[in-house]
Amino acid sequence: MPWTLHRHVLYWEKPRAFMPERFLPANRDKLHRFQYLPFGAGPRTCIGATFALQEAVIALAVMMRRFRFDMTPETRPWPVQRLTTQPRGGLPLRVSAR
């Protein structure tokens, strides 16, 4: 189960910490091929994975160019596993134009 794998203490230092630098090109060699599976792996991998990643990058670039997103003091994100992983109670953000 990806949810468990992505937070397992045997595979990650500080498994519950938000550390995006783990996935920088300089750190890619430290990750096993099947250590992080956002779209599954093997013969049943998600057929839309490439499109989803391209779409996410484009959408994020458009929004980040136009707006600034800041967490509010009340924001305490905690992941909840449903059909997809979501932040419990949503993700309240303060949005302002750039």
N, C-alpha and C. Protein backbone atom coordinates (compact mmCIF):
# COMPACT_ATOMS: atom_id res chain seq x y z
N MET A 1 0.84 -1.18 0.00
CA MET A 1 0.00 0.00 0.00
C MET A 1 0.89 1.24 0.00
N PRO A 2 0.78 2.10 -1.01
CA PRO A 2 1.65 3.28 -1.08
C PRO A 2 1.59 4.16 0.17
N TRP A 3 0.43 4.31 0.74
CA TRP A 3 0.28 5.14 1.95
C TRP A 3 1.25 4.68 3.04
N THR A 4 1.32 3.39 3.27
CA THR A 4 2.21 2.84 4.30
C THR A 4 3.66 2.90 3.85
N LEU A 5 3.92 2.51 2.63
CA LEU A 5 5.28 2.52 2.09
C LEU A 5 5.90 3.92 2.15
N HIS A 6 5.12 4.93 1.83
CA HIS A 6 5.64 6.30 1.79
C HIS A 6 5.92 6.88 3.17
N ARG A 7 5.50 6.18 4.23
CA ARG A 7 5.73 6.67 5.59
C ARG A 7 6.45 5.66 6.47
N HIS A 8 7.06 4.66 5.86
CA HIS A 8 7.68 3.58 6.61
C HIS A 8 9.06 3.99 7.12
N VAL A 9 9.30 3.72 8.41
CA VAL A 9 10.56 4.14 9.04
C VAL A 9 11.77 3.39 8.48
N LEU A 10 11.59 2.24 7.88
CA LEU A 10 12.71 1.52 7.29
C LEU A 10 13.21 2.16 6.00
N TYR A 11 12.36 2.94 5.34
CA TYR A 11 12.70 3.50 4.03
C TYR A 11 12.96 4.99 4.04
N TRP A 12 12.51 5.69 5.09
CA TRP A 12 12.61 7.15 5.09
C TRP A 12 13.15 7.66 6.40
N GLU A 13 14.04 8.62 6.32
CA GLU A 13 14.46 9.37 7.50
C GLU A 13 13.36 10.39 7.77
N LYS A 14 12.89 10.46 8.98
CA LYS A 14 11.77 11.35 9.34
C LYS A 14 10.60 11.12 8.38
N PRO A 15 9.99 9.96 8.41
CA PRO A 15 8.98 9.60 7.42
C PRO A 15 7.73 10.48 7.40
N ARG A 16 7.41 11.14 8.49
CA ARG A 16 6.21 12.00 8.50
C ARG A 16 6.52 13.47 8.22
N ALA A 17 7.79 13.77 8.03
CA ALA A 17 8.19 15.16 7.79
C ALA A 17 7.99 15.53 6.32
N PHE A 18 7.63 16.78 6.09
CA PHE A 18 7.53 17.30 4.72
C PHE A 18 8.92 17.73 4.30
N MET A 19 9.55 16.94 3.44
CA MET A 19 10.92 17.19 3.01
C MET A 19 11.00 17.02 1.49
N PRO A 20 10.53 17.99 0.71
CA PRO A 20 10.56 17.84 -0.75
C PRO A 20 11.96 17.73 -1.32
N GLU A 21 12.98 18.16 -0.58
CA GLU A 21 14.35 18.06 -1.07
C GLU A 21 14.78 16.60 -1.27
N ARG A 22 14.04 15.65 -0.70
CA ARG A 22 14.33 14.23 -0.92
C ARG A 22 14.31 13.88 -2.41
N PHE A 23 13.51 14.63 -3.17
CA PHE A 23 13.28 14.29 -4.56
C PHE A 23 14.04 15.18 -5.54
N LEU A 24 14.97 15.98 -5.03
CA LEU A 24 15.81 16.79 -5.91
C LEU A 24 16.70 15.87 -6.74
N PRO A 25 17.07 16.30 -7.94
CA PRO A 25 17.92 15.46 -8.80
C PRO A 25 19.19 14.96 -8.09
N ALA A 26 19.77 15.78 -7.24
CA ALA A 26 20.99 15.37 -6.54
C ALA A 26 20.75 14.21 -5.58
N ASN A 27 19.51 14.02 -5.13
CA ASN A 27 19.20 12.98 -4.15
C ASN A 27 18.52 11.75 -4.78
N ARG A 28 18.27 11.79 -6.06
CA ARG A 28 17.55 10.69 -6.73
C ARG A 28 18.25 9.35 -6.58
N ASP A 29 19.58 9.35 -6.59
CA ASP A 29 20.31 8.08 -6.49
C ASP A 29 20.14 7.40 -5.14
N LYS A 30 19.70 8.14 -4.13
CA LYS A 30 19.51 7.58 -2.80
C LYS A 30 18.19 6.83 -2.67
N LEU A 31 17.28 7.03 -3.62
CA LEU A 31 15.96 6.39 -3.55
C LEU A 31 15.92 5.12 -4.40
N HIS A 32 15.38 4.08 -3.83
CA HIS A 32 15.15 2.86 -4.59
C HIS A 32 14.01 3.11 -5.56
N ARG A 33 14.03 2.44 -6.68
CA ARG A 33 13.03 2.65 -7.73
C ARG A 33 11.60 2.50 -7.22
N PHE A 34 11.37 1.57 -6.30
CA PHE A 34 10.02 1.32 -5.81
C PHE A 34 9.79 1.86 -4.39
N GLN A 35 10.59 2.82 -3.98
CA GLN A 35 10.44 3.41 -2.66
C GLN A 35 9.33 4.45 -2.63
N TYR A 36 9.11 5.13 -3.73
CA TYR A 36 8.06 6.16 -3.82
C TYR A 36 7.22 5.85 -5.05
N LEU A 37 5.93 5.61 -4.85
CA LEU A 37 5.04 5.16 -5.92
C LEU A 37 3.79 6.03 -6.02
N PRO A 38 3.91 7.28 -6.44
CA PRO A 38 2.71 8.13 -6.47
C PRO A 38 1.65 7.64 -7.46
N PHE A 39 2.04 6.88 -8.47
CA PHE A 39 1.09 6.38 -9.47
C PHE A 39 1.13 4.86 -9.59
N GLY A 40 1.63 4.18 -8.58
CA GLY A 40 1.76 2.74 -8.65
C GLY A 40 3.04 2.36 -9.37
N ALA A 41 3.17 1.07 -9.67
CA ALA A 41 4.37 0.58 -10.35
C ALA A 41 4.05 -0.73 -11.04
N GLY A 42 4.94 -1.14 -11.90
CA GLY A 42 4.78 -2.41 -12.57
C GLY A 42 3.77 -2.34 -13.71
N PRO A 43 3.22 -3.51 -14.10
CA PRO A 43 2.34 -3.56 -15.26
C PRO A 43 1.00 -2.85 -15.05
N ARG A 44 0.64 -2.56 -13.81
CA ARG A 44 -0.64 -1.91 -13.56
C ARG A 44 -0.49 -0.46 -13.11
N THR A 45 0.59 0.16 -13.51
CA THR A 45 0.81 1.56 -13.17
C THR A 45 -0.26 2.43 -13.82
N CYS A 46 -0.50 3.56 -13.28
CA CYS A 46 -1.53 4.48 -13.77
C CYS A 46 -1.19 4.93 -15.20
N ILE A 47 -2.13 4.74 -16.13
CA ILE A 47 -1.86 5.13 -17.52
C ILE A 47 -1.87 6.64 -17.70
N GLY A 48 -2.42 7.37 -16.74
CA GLY A 48 -2.47 8.82 -16.85
C GLY A 48 -1.39 9.53 -16.06
N ALA A 49 -0.38 8.80 -15.57
CA ALA A 49 0.64 9.40 -14.71
C ALA A 49 1.38 10.53 -15.40
N THR A 50 1.83 10.33 -16.62
CA THR A 50 2.59 11.37 -17.33
C THR A 50 1.73 12.60 -17.55
N PHE A 51 0.50 12.38 -18.00
CA PHE A 51 -0.41 13.51 -18.22
C PHE A 51 -0.70 14.24 -16.92
N ALA A 52 -0.95 13.50 -15.85
CA ALA A 52 -1.26 14.12 -14.55
C ALA A 52 -0.11 14.99 -14.06
N LEU A 53 1.12 14.52 -14.21
CA LEU A 53 2.27 15.31 -13.78
C LEU A 53 2.43 16.57 -14.63
N GLN A 54 2.26 16.44 -15.94
CA GLN A 54 2.36 17.62 -16.82
C GLN A 54 1.27 18.63 -16.49
N GLU A 55 0.06 18.14 -16.31
CA GLU A 55 -1.07 19.01 -15.99
C GLU A 55 -0.85 19.73 -14.66
N ALA A 56 -0.35 19.02 -13.66
CA ALA A 56 -0.11 19.62 -12.35
C ALA A 56 0.95 20.72 -12.43
N VAL A 57 2.01 20.49 -13.16
CA VAL A 57 3.08 21.49 -13.29
C VAL A 57 2.56 22.73 -13.99
N ILE A 58 1.80 22.57 -15.05
CA ILE A 58 1.25 23.71 -15.79
C ILE A 58 0.28 24.50 -14.92
N ALA A 59 -0.64 23.80 -14.25
CA ALA A 59 -1.61 24.49 -13.39
C ALA A 59 -0.91 25.23 -12.26
N LEU A 60 0.05 24.60 -11.64
CA LEU A 60 0.78 25.23 -10.54
C LEU A 60 1.55 26.46 -11.02
N ALA A 61 2.20 26.36 -12.18
CA ALA A 61 2.96 27.49 -12.72
C ALA A 61 2.05 28.68 -13.01
N VAL A 62 0.89 28.43 -13.58
CA VAL A 62 -0.06 29.51 -13.88
C VAL A 62 -0.54 30.18 -12.59
N MET A 63 -0.91 29.37 -11.61
CA MET A 63 -1.41 29.93 -10.35
C MET A 63 -0.32 30.67 -9.57
N MET A 64 0.88 30.10 -9.52
CA MET A 64 1.95 30.72 -8.75
C MET A 64 2.42 32.04 -9.37
N ARG A 65 2.26 32.16 -10.68
CA ARG A 65 2.65 33.41 -11.34
C ARG A 65 1.67 34.54 -10.99
N ARG A 66 0.42 34.18 -10.79
CA ARG A 66 -0.61 35.19 -10.56
C ARG A 66 -0.94 35.46 -9.09
N PHE A 67 -0.72 34.45 -8.25
CA PHE A 67 -1.15 34.55 -6.86
C PHE A 67 -0.06 34.12 -5.89
N ARG A 68 -0.21 34.57 -4.65
CA ARG A 68 0.64 34.12 -3.55
C ARG A 68 -0.26 33.33 -2.60
N PHE A 69 0.23 32.19 -2.13
CA PHE A 69 -0.53 31.32 -1.23
C PHE A 69 0.21 31.21 0.10
N ASP A 70 -0.45 31.63 1.18
CA ASP A 70 0.14 31.55 2.51
C ASP A 70 -0.79 30.77 3.43
N MET A 71 -0.19 29.94 4.28
CA MET A 71 -1.01 29.22 5.25
C MET A 71 -1.49 30.20 6.31
N THR A 72 -2.68 29.93 6.81
CA THR A 72 -3.22 30.74 7.89
C THR A 72 -2.69 30.17 9.21
N PRO A 73 -2.75 30.94 10.30
CA PRO A 73 -2.28 30.41 11.59
C PRO A 73 -3.04 29.15 12.02
N GLU A 74 -4.30 29.01 11.57
CA GLU A 74 -5.12 27.86 11.95
C GLU A 74 -4.79 26.61 11.13
N THR A 75 -4.06 26.75 10.05
CA THR A 75 -3.80 25.64 9.15
C THR A 75 -2.89 24.62 9.81
N ARG A 76 -3.38 23.40 9.95
CA ARG A 76 -2.62 22.29 10.52
C ARG A 76 -2.86 21.07 9.62
N PRO A 77 -2.20 21.02 8.46
CA PRO A 77 -2.47 19.91 7.54
C PRO A 77 -2.06 18.55 8.12
N TRP A 78 -2.91 17.57 7.94
CA TRP A 78 -2.62 16.20 8.34
C TRP A 78 -3.23 15.28 7.29
N PRO A 79 -2.45 14.37 6.72
CA PRO A 79 -2.98 13.54 5.64
C PRO A 79 -4.03 12.53 6.09
N VAL A 80 -5.05 12.38 5.27
CA VAL A 80 -6.11 11.41 5.49
C VAL A 80 -6.21 10.58 4.22
N GLN A 81 -6.21 9.26 4.36
CA GLN A 81 -6.31 8.38 3.20
C GLN A 81 -7.77 8.11 2.89
N ARG A 82 -8.20 8.56 1.73
CA ARG A 82 -9.53 8.24 1.20
C ARG A 82 -9.28 7.62 -0.16
N LEU A 83 -10.07 7.94 -1.16
CA LEU A 83 -9.76 7.45 -2.50
C LEU A 83 -8.39 7.98 -2.92
N THR A 84 -8.14 9.25 -2.56
CA THR A 84 -6.82 9.86 -2.72
C THR A 84 -6.41 10.41 -1.36
N THR A 85 -5.16 10.75 -1.21
CA THR A 85 -4.70 11.35 0.03
C THR A 85 -5.12 12.81 0.05
N GLN A 86 -5.71 13.24 1.16
CA GLN A 86 -6.22 14.61 1.28
C GLN A 86 -5.86 15.16 2.64
N PRO A 87 -5.77 16.50 2.77
CA PRO A 87 -5.55 17.06 4.09
C PRO A 87 -6.85 17.05 4.90
N ARG A 88 -6.78 16.58 6.14
CA ARG A 88 -7.97 16.54 6.99
C ARG A 88 -8.49 17.97 7.21
N GLY A 89 -9.77 18.17 6.97
CA GLY A 89 -10.39 19.48 7.15
C GLY A 89 -10.08 20.45 6.05
N GLY A 90 -9.54 19.98 4.93
CA GLY A 90 -9.18 20.89 3.83
C GLY A 90 -7.83 21.55 4.08
N LEU A 91 -7.55 22.55 3.30
CA LEU A 91 -6.28 23.26 3.42
C LEU A 91 -6.53 24.76 3.31
N PRO A 92 -6.95 25.37 4.42
CA PRO A 92 -7.23 26.80 4.38
C PRO A 92 -5.96 27.61 4.07
N LEU A 93 -6.03 28.43 3.04
CA LEU A 93 -4.90 29.26 2.65
C LEU A 93 -5.37 30.70 2.43
N ARG A 94 -4.48 31.63 2.63
CA ARG A 94 -4.75 33.02 2.33
C ARG A 94 -4.18 33.25 0.92
N VAL A 95 -5.04 33.66 0.00
CA VAL A 95 -4.63 33.88 -1.38
C VAL A 95 -4.63 35.37 -1.65
N SER A 96 -3.53 35.87 -2.21
CA SER A 96 -3.44 37.29 -2.55
C SER A 96 -2.82 37.41 -3.93
N ALA A 97 -3.24 38.44 -4.65
CA ALA A 97 -2.69 38.69 -5.99
C ALA A 97 -1.24 39.13 -5.87
N ARG A 98 -0.45 38.77 -6.84
CA ARG A 98 0.95 39.21 -6.85
C ARG A 98 1.05 40.59 -7.44
